[in-house]
Structure formats: C-alpha cells, structure tokens
N, C-alpha and C. Protein backbone atom coordinates (compact mmCIF):
# COMPACT_ATOMS: atom_id res chain seq x y z
N UNK A 1 -32.76 66.55 -51.80
CA UNK A 1 -32.20 67.81 -51.26
C UNK A 1 -30.70 67.76 -51.49
N UNK A 2 -30.07 68.89 -51.94
CA UNK A 2 -28.62 68.95 -52.16
C UNK A 2 -27.96 69.48 -50.78
N UNK A 3 -26.57 69.28 -50.84
CA UNK A 3 -25.84 69.60 -49.78
C UNK A 3 -25.82 71.11 -49.29
N UNK A 4 -25.87 72.02 -50.26
CA UNK A 4 -25.96 73.33 -49.92
C UNK A 4 -27.20 73.79 -49.27
N UNK A 5 -28.28 73.11 -49.70
CA UNK A 5 -29.65 73.44 -49.04
C UNK A 5 -29.62 72.90 -47.57
N UNK A 6 -29.07 71.71 -47.34
CA UNK A 6 -29.16 71.17 -46.10
C UNK A 6 -28.32 71.88 -45.04
N UNK A 7 -27.06 72.40 -45.54
CA UNK A 7 -26.18 73.39 -44.81
C UNK A 7 -26.94 74.55 -44.40
N UNK A 8 -27.81 75.16 -45.32
CA UNK A 8 -28.44 76.36 -45.06
C UNK A 8 -29.43 76.24 -44.03
N UNK A 9 -30.18 75.07 -44.04
CA UNK A 9 -31.16 74.67 -43.16
C UNK A 9 -30.60 74.56 -41.75
N UNK A 10 -29.39 74.00 -41.59
CA UNK A 10 -28.71 73.86 -40.26
C UNK A 10 -28.34 75.15 -39.76
N UNK A 11 -27.82 76.02 -40.61
CA UNK A 11 -27.36 77.36 -40.10
C UNK A 11 -28.45 78.31 -39.80
N UNK A 12 -29.61 78.10 -40.29
CA UNK A 12 -30.75 79.08 -39.98
C UNK A 12 -31.61 78.52 -38.70
N UNK A 13 -31.19 77.46 -38.17
CA UNK A 13 -31.81 76.94 -37.00
C UNK A 13 -31.64 77.90 -35.91
N UNK A 14 -32.78 78.03 -35.14
CA UNK A 14 -32.74 78.94 -33.99
C UNK A 14 -31.83 78.51 -32.86
N UNK A 15 -30.94 79.36 -32.50
CA UNK A 15 -29.87 79.07 -31.43
C UNK A 15 -30.22 79.92 -30.20
N UNK A 16 -30.00 79.48 -29.05
CA UNK A 16 -30.18 80.17 -27.76
C UNK A 16 -28.93 79.85 -26.89
N UNK A 17 -28.79 80.70 -25.93
CA UNK A 17 -27.80 80.47 -24.86
C UNK A 17 -28.43 80.41 -23.43
N UNK A 18 -27.88 79.56 -22.66
CA UNK A 18 -28.50 79.44 -21.31
C UNK A 18 -27.53 78.66 -20.36
N UNK A 19 -28.01 78.56 -19.15
CA UNK A 19 -27.33 77.79 -18.15
C UNK A 19 -27.88 76.35 -17.79
N UNK A 20 -26.94 75.46 -17.73
CA UNK A 20 -27.57 74.02 -17.39
C UNK A 20 -27.98 74.01 -15.96
N UNK A 21 -29.15 73.57 -15.76
CA UNK A 21 -29.70 73.69 -14.39
C UNK A 21 -29.75 72.11 -13.88
N UNK A 22 -29.72 71.18 -14.88
CA UNK A 22 -29.82 69.81 -14.37
C UNK A 22 -29.20 68.93 -15.42
N UNK A 23 -28.48 67.86 -15.05
CA UNK A 23 -27.88 67.01 -15.97
C UNK A 23 -28.16 65.44 -15.41
N UNK A 24 -29.27 65.36 -14.82
CA UNK A 24 -29.48 64.02 -14.12
C UNK A 24 -29.89 63.00 -15.05
N UNK A 25 -30.70 63.33 -16.17
CA UNK A 25 -31.19 62.26 -17.23
C UNK A 25 -30.01 61.95 -17.97
N UNK A 26 -30.13 60.75 -18.68
CA UNK A 26 -29.18 60.23 -19.54
C UNK A 26 -29.25 60.90 -20.88
N UNK A 27 -28.29 61.55 -21.36
CA UNK A 27 -28.06 62.36 -22.58
C UNK A 27 -29.10 63.51 -22.80
N UNK A 28 -29.61 64.03 -21.56
CA UNK A 28 -30.42 65.13 -21.59
C UNK A 28 -30.04 66.10 -20.50
N UNK A 29 -30.03 67.40 -20.93
CA UNK A 29 -29.83 68.48 -19.93
C UNK A 29 -30.98 69.38 -19.94
N UNK A 30 -31.39 70.05 -18.69
CA UNK A 30 -32.24 71.07 -18.79
C UNK A 30 -31.44 72.48 -18.67
N UNK A 31 -31.92 73.34 -19.66
CA UNK A 31 -31.29 74.54 -19.75
C UNK A 31 -32.23 75.87 -19.45
N UNK A 32 -31.71 76.67 -18.59
CA UNK A 32 -32.45 77.73 -18.33
C UNK A 32 -32.14 78.95 -19.23
N UNK A 33 -32.97 79.40 -20.07
CA UNK A 33 -32.77 80.56 -21.03
C UNK A 33 -33.49 81.67 -20.53
N UNK A 34 -32.61 82.71 -20.15
CA UNK A 34 -33.16 84.03 -19.69
C UNK A 34 -33.24 85.07 -20.83
N UNK A 35 -34.26 85.82 -20.73
CA UNK A 35 -34.24 87.00 -21.78
C UNK A 35 -34.81 88.21 -20.96
N UNK A 36 -34.46 89.39 -21.50
CA UNK A 36 -34.82 90.58 -20.91
C UNK A 36 -35.48 91.62 -21.81
N UNK A 37 -36.58 92.19 -21.46
CA UNK A 37 -37.42 93.03 -22.33
C UNK A 37 -37.90 94.29 -21.53
N UNK A 38 -38.75 94.99 -22.15
CA UNK A 38 -39.40 96.18 -21.46
C UNK A 38 -40.93 95.87 -21.46
N UNK A 39 -41.39 96.23 -20.50
CA UNK A 39 -42.92 96.35 -20.42
C UNK A 39 -43.41 97.36 -21.38
N UNK A 40 -44.54 96.98 -22.13
CA UNK A 40 -44.96 97.82 -23.24
C UNK A 40 -45.38 99.22 -23.01
N UNK A 41 -46.21 99.56 -22.09
CA UNK A 41 -46.65 100.84 -21.70
C UNK A 41 -45.65 101.71 -20.99
N UNK A 42 -45.13 101.12 -19.86
CA UNK A 42 -44.47 101.84 -18.83
C UNK A 42 -42.88 101.75 -19.04
N UNK A 43 -42.43 100.71 -19.73
CA UNK A 43 -41.04 100.55 -20.05
C UNK A 43 -40.21 99.96 -18.94
N UNK A 44 -40.81 99.43 -17.95
CA UNK A 44 -40.09 98.85 -16.83
C UNK A 44 -39.33 97.58 -17.40
N UNK A 45 -38.19 97.38 -16.99
CA UNK A 45 -37.34 96.24 -17.43
C UNK A 45 -37.93 94.92 -16.90
N UNK A 46 -38.27 93.87 -17.63
CA UNK A 46 -38.79 92.69 -17.13
C UNK A 46 -37.74 91.59 -17.47
N UNK A 47 -37.62 90.55 -16.61
CA UNK A 47 -36.80 89.39 -16.85
C UNK A 47 -37.61 88.24 -16.88
N UNK A 48 -37.54 87.47 -17.94
CA UNK A 48 -38.27 86.20 -18.13
C UNK A 48 -37.31 85.16 -18.41
N UNK A 49 -37.71 83.90 -18.10
CA UNK A 49 -36.92 82.68 -18.15
C UNK A 49 -37.74 81.59 -18.73
N UNK A 50 -37.10 80.53 -19.36
CA UNK A 50 -37.74 79.43 -19.89
C UNK A 50 -36.91 78.31 -19.73
N UNK A 51 -37.32 77.25 -19.18
CA UNK A 51 -36.48 75.85 -19.04
C UNK A 51 -36.84 75.08 -20.27
N UNK A 52 -35.79 74.62 -20.97
CA UNK A 52 -35.77 73.73 -22.11
C UNK A 52 -35.02 72.46 -21.90
N UNK A 53 -35.48 71.35 -22.49
CA UNK A 53 -34.72 70.16 -22.51
C UNK A 53 -33.85 70.06 -23.75
N UNK A 54 -32.60 69.71 -23.62
CA UNK A 54 -31.68 69.66 -24.81
C UNK A 54 -30.95 68.39 -24.82
N UNK A 55 -30.70 67.87 -26.02
CA UNK A 55 -30.04 66.58 -26.21
C UNK A 55 -28.48 66.78 -26.09
N UNK A 56 -27.89 66.01 -25.08
CA UNK A 56 -26.47 66.20 -24.87
C UNK A 56 -25.84 64.70 -25.25
N UNK A 57 -25.47 64.47 -26.56
CA UNK A 57 -25.06 63.23 -26.97
C UNK A 57 -23.88 62.70 -26.15
N UNK A 58 -22.90 63.53 -25.99
CA UNK A 58 -21.71 63.06 -25.34
C UNK A 58 -21.67 63.13 -23.81
N UNK A 59 -22.57 63.76 -23.31
CA UNK A 59 -22.69 63.84 -21.72
C UNK A 59 -21.59 64.79 -21.26
N UNK A 60 -21.30 65.82 -21.95
CA UNK A 60 -20.18 66.62 -21.45
C UNK A 60 -20.60 67.92 -20.62
N UNK A 61 -21.92 68.03 -20.62
CA UNK A 61 -22.41 69.17 -19.87
C UNK A 61 -22.58 68.88 -18.39
N UNK A 62 -22.37 69.95 -17.49
CA UNK A 62 -22.43 69.77 -16.09
C UNK A 62 -23.40 70.89 -15.56
N UNK A 63 -23.91 70.89 -14.46
CA UNK A 63 -24.66 71.93 -13.88
C UNK A 63 -23.78 73.23 -13.81
N UNK A 64 -24.45 74.33 -14.21
CA UNK A 64 -23.77 75.61 -14.05
C UNK A 64 -23.15 76.10 -15.34
N UNK A 65 -22.87 75.09 -16.40
CA UNK A 65 -22.23 75.50 -17.65
C UNK A 65 -23.04 76.36 -18.39
N UNK A 66 -22.46 77.29 -19.17
CA UNK A 66 -23.15 78.11 -20.06
C UNK A 66 -22.98 77.42 -21.38
N UNK A 67 -24.13 77.11 -22.15
CA UNK A 67 -24.19 76.30 -23.33
C UNK A 67 -25.00 77.14 -24.31
N UNK A 68 -24.79 76.72 -25.65
CA UNK A 68 -25.38 77.17 -26.81
C UNK A 68 -26.22 76.02 -27.32
N UNK A 69 -27.57 76.06 -27.51
CA UNK A 69 -28.40 75.05 -27.93
C UNK A 69 -29.07 75.53 -29.29
N UNK A 70 -29.35 74.50 -30.11
CA UNK A 70 -29.95 74.82 -31.33
C UNK A 70 -31.27 74.00 -31.63
N UNK A 71 -32.29 74.64 -32.16
CA UNK A 71 -33.51 73.84 -32.41
C UNK A 71 -33.31 72.72 -33.47
N UNK A 72 -33.89 71.53 -33.27
CA UNK A 72 -33.89 70.44 -34.12
C UNK A 72 -35.25 69.77 -34.20
N UNK A 73 -35.27 68.54 -34.96
CA UNK A 73 -36.47 67.90 -34.91
C UNK A 73 -36.86 67.31 -33.48
N UNK A 74 -38.11 67.00 -33.16
CA UNK A 74 -38.42 66.59 -31.92
C UNK A 74 -37.83 65.14 -31.61
N UNK A 75 -37.00 65.04 -30.62
CA UNK A 75 -36.28 63.89 -30.10
C UNK A 75 -37.17 63.14 -29.05
N UNK A 76 -38.00 63.83 -28.40
CA UNK A 76 -38.95 63.10 -27.50
C UNK A 76 -40.10 64.06 -27.29
N UNK A 77 -40.96 63.80 -26.25
CA UNK A 77 -42.19 64.61 -25.98
C UNK A 77 -41.78 65.95 -25.77
N UNK A 78 -40.66 66.31 -24.89
CA UNK A 78 -40.41 67.50 -24.52
C UNK A 78 -39.09 68.07 -25.03
N UNK A 79 -38.28 67.19 -25.75
CA UNK A 79 -36.92 67.61 -26.14
C UNK A 79 -36.89 67.84 -27.68
N UNK A 80 -36.62 69.19 -27.95
CA UNK A 80 -36.52 69.51 -29.44
C UNK A 80 -35.31 70.45 -29.54
N UNK A 81 -34.28 70.39 -28.78
CA UNK A 81 -33.27 71.29 -28.95
C UNK A 81 -31.93 70.30 -28.64
N UNK A 82 -30.76 70.65 -29.37
CA UNK A 82 -29.52 69.83 -28.96
C UNK A 82 -28.39 70.80 -28.63
N UNK A 83 -27.60 70.29 -27.83
CA UNK A 83 -26.43 71.13 -27.40
C UNK A 83 -25.38 71.21 -28.55
N UNK A 84 -24.99 72.48 -28.89
CA UNK A 84 -24.04 72.81 -30.00
C UNK A 84 -22.82 72.92 -29.46
N UNK A 85 -22.66 73.72 -28.43
CA UNK A 85 -21.24 73.90 -27.73
C UNK A 85 -21.37 74.33 -26.27
N UNK A 86 -20.35 74.07 -25.63
CA UNK A 86 -20.16 74.56 -24.18
C UNK A 86 -19.44 75.84 -24.31
N UNK A 87 -19.96 76.95 -23.92
CA UNK A 87 -19.32 78.38 -24.05
C UNK A 87 -18.45 78.50 -22.76
N UNK A 88 -18.90 78.09 -21.60
CA UNK A 88 -18.12 78.35 -20.44
C UNK A 88 -18.42 77.26 -19.49
N UNK A 89 -17.34 76.80 -18.78
CA UNK A 89 -17.52 75.82 -17.75
C UNK A 89 -17.92 76.29 -16.43
N UNK A 90 -18.54 75.65 -15.55
CA UNK A 90 -19.03 76.12 -14.34
C UNK A 90 -17.79 76.16 -13.28
N UNK A 91 -17.71 77.10 -12.35
CA UNK A 91 -16.50 77.04 -11.45
C UNK A 91 -16.77 75.98 -10.39
N UNK A 92 -15.83 75.18 -10.21
CA UNK A 92 -15.86 74.01 -9.40
C UNK A 92 -15.74 74.51 -7.87
C-alpha cells in the first residue's frame, strides 16, 4: 500500500463530535454523541444519543470537553474510536 492510499483511508474515516462524560479509565474516555432527526411520518423532532469509548493516548481529555473522534481499528472489545482533537475545554 502506498502513502497516498493510506492517507486517503485516514481522511475518509468516520468522524463524530461529542462530550466527554467519563475519563476514569486509563487512556480511555467515554463520549456522548448526540444527533437530532425527525420522526418519519409526523416530523416531530427527535433527539438520540450514543455513548462510545474512545482511545485518548495522551490523557488530555477531561469531563465536559467537546472532542472530535474518528473511527479506527478495534482497540478492545468496546473501543473502536480514537480522539482526534479537543474542540473546546469544559468550564472549570
């Protein structure tokens, strides 16, 4: 595999944004990803959320931070995302 193909694979990885709800595990954060849509027939706005585990190599994320996570290879049984960047810090 050449370099241009591997770079294209990394940029096409699914990225999501969410809030860190827990950083108690070593190098792992729990991120709450919220999405909003409409109910099919009646159009009522619906809010749904998903909790995902993400790999935080540097341990820089704290509870309440807004982060961007990207999909990667499975790192454990439940962890298949990694933290790309911290978008906003939580107010202390």
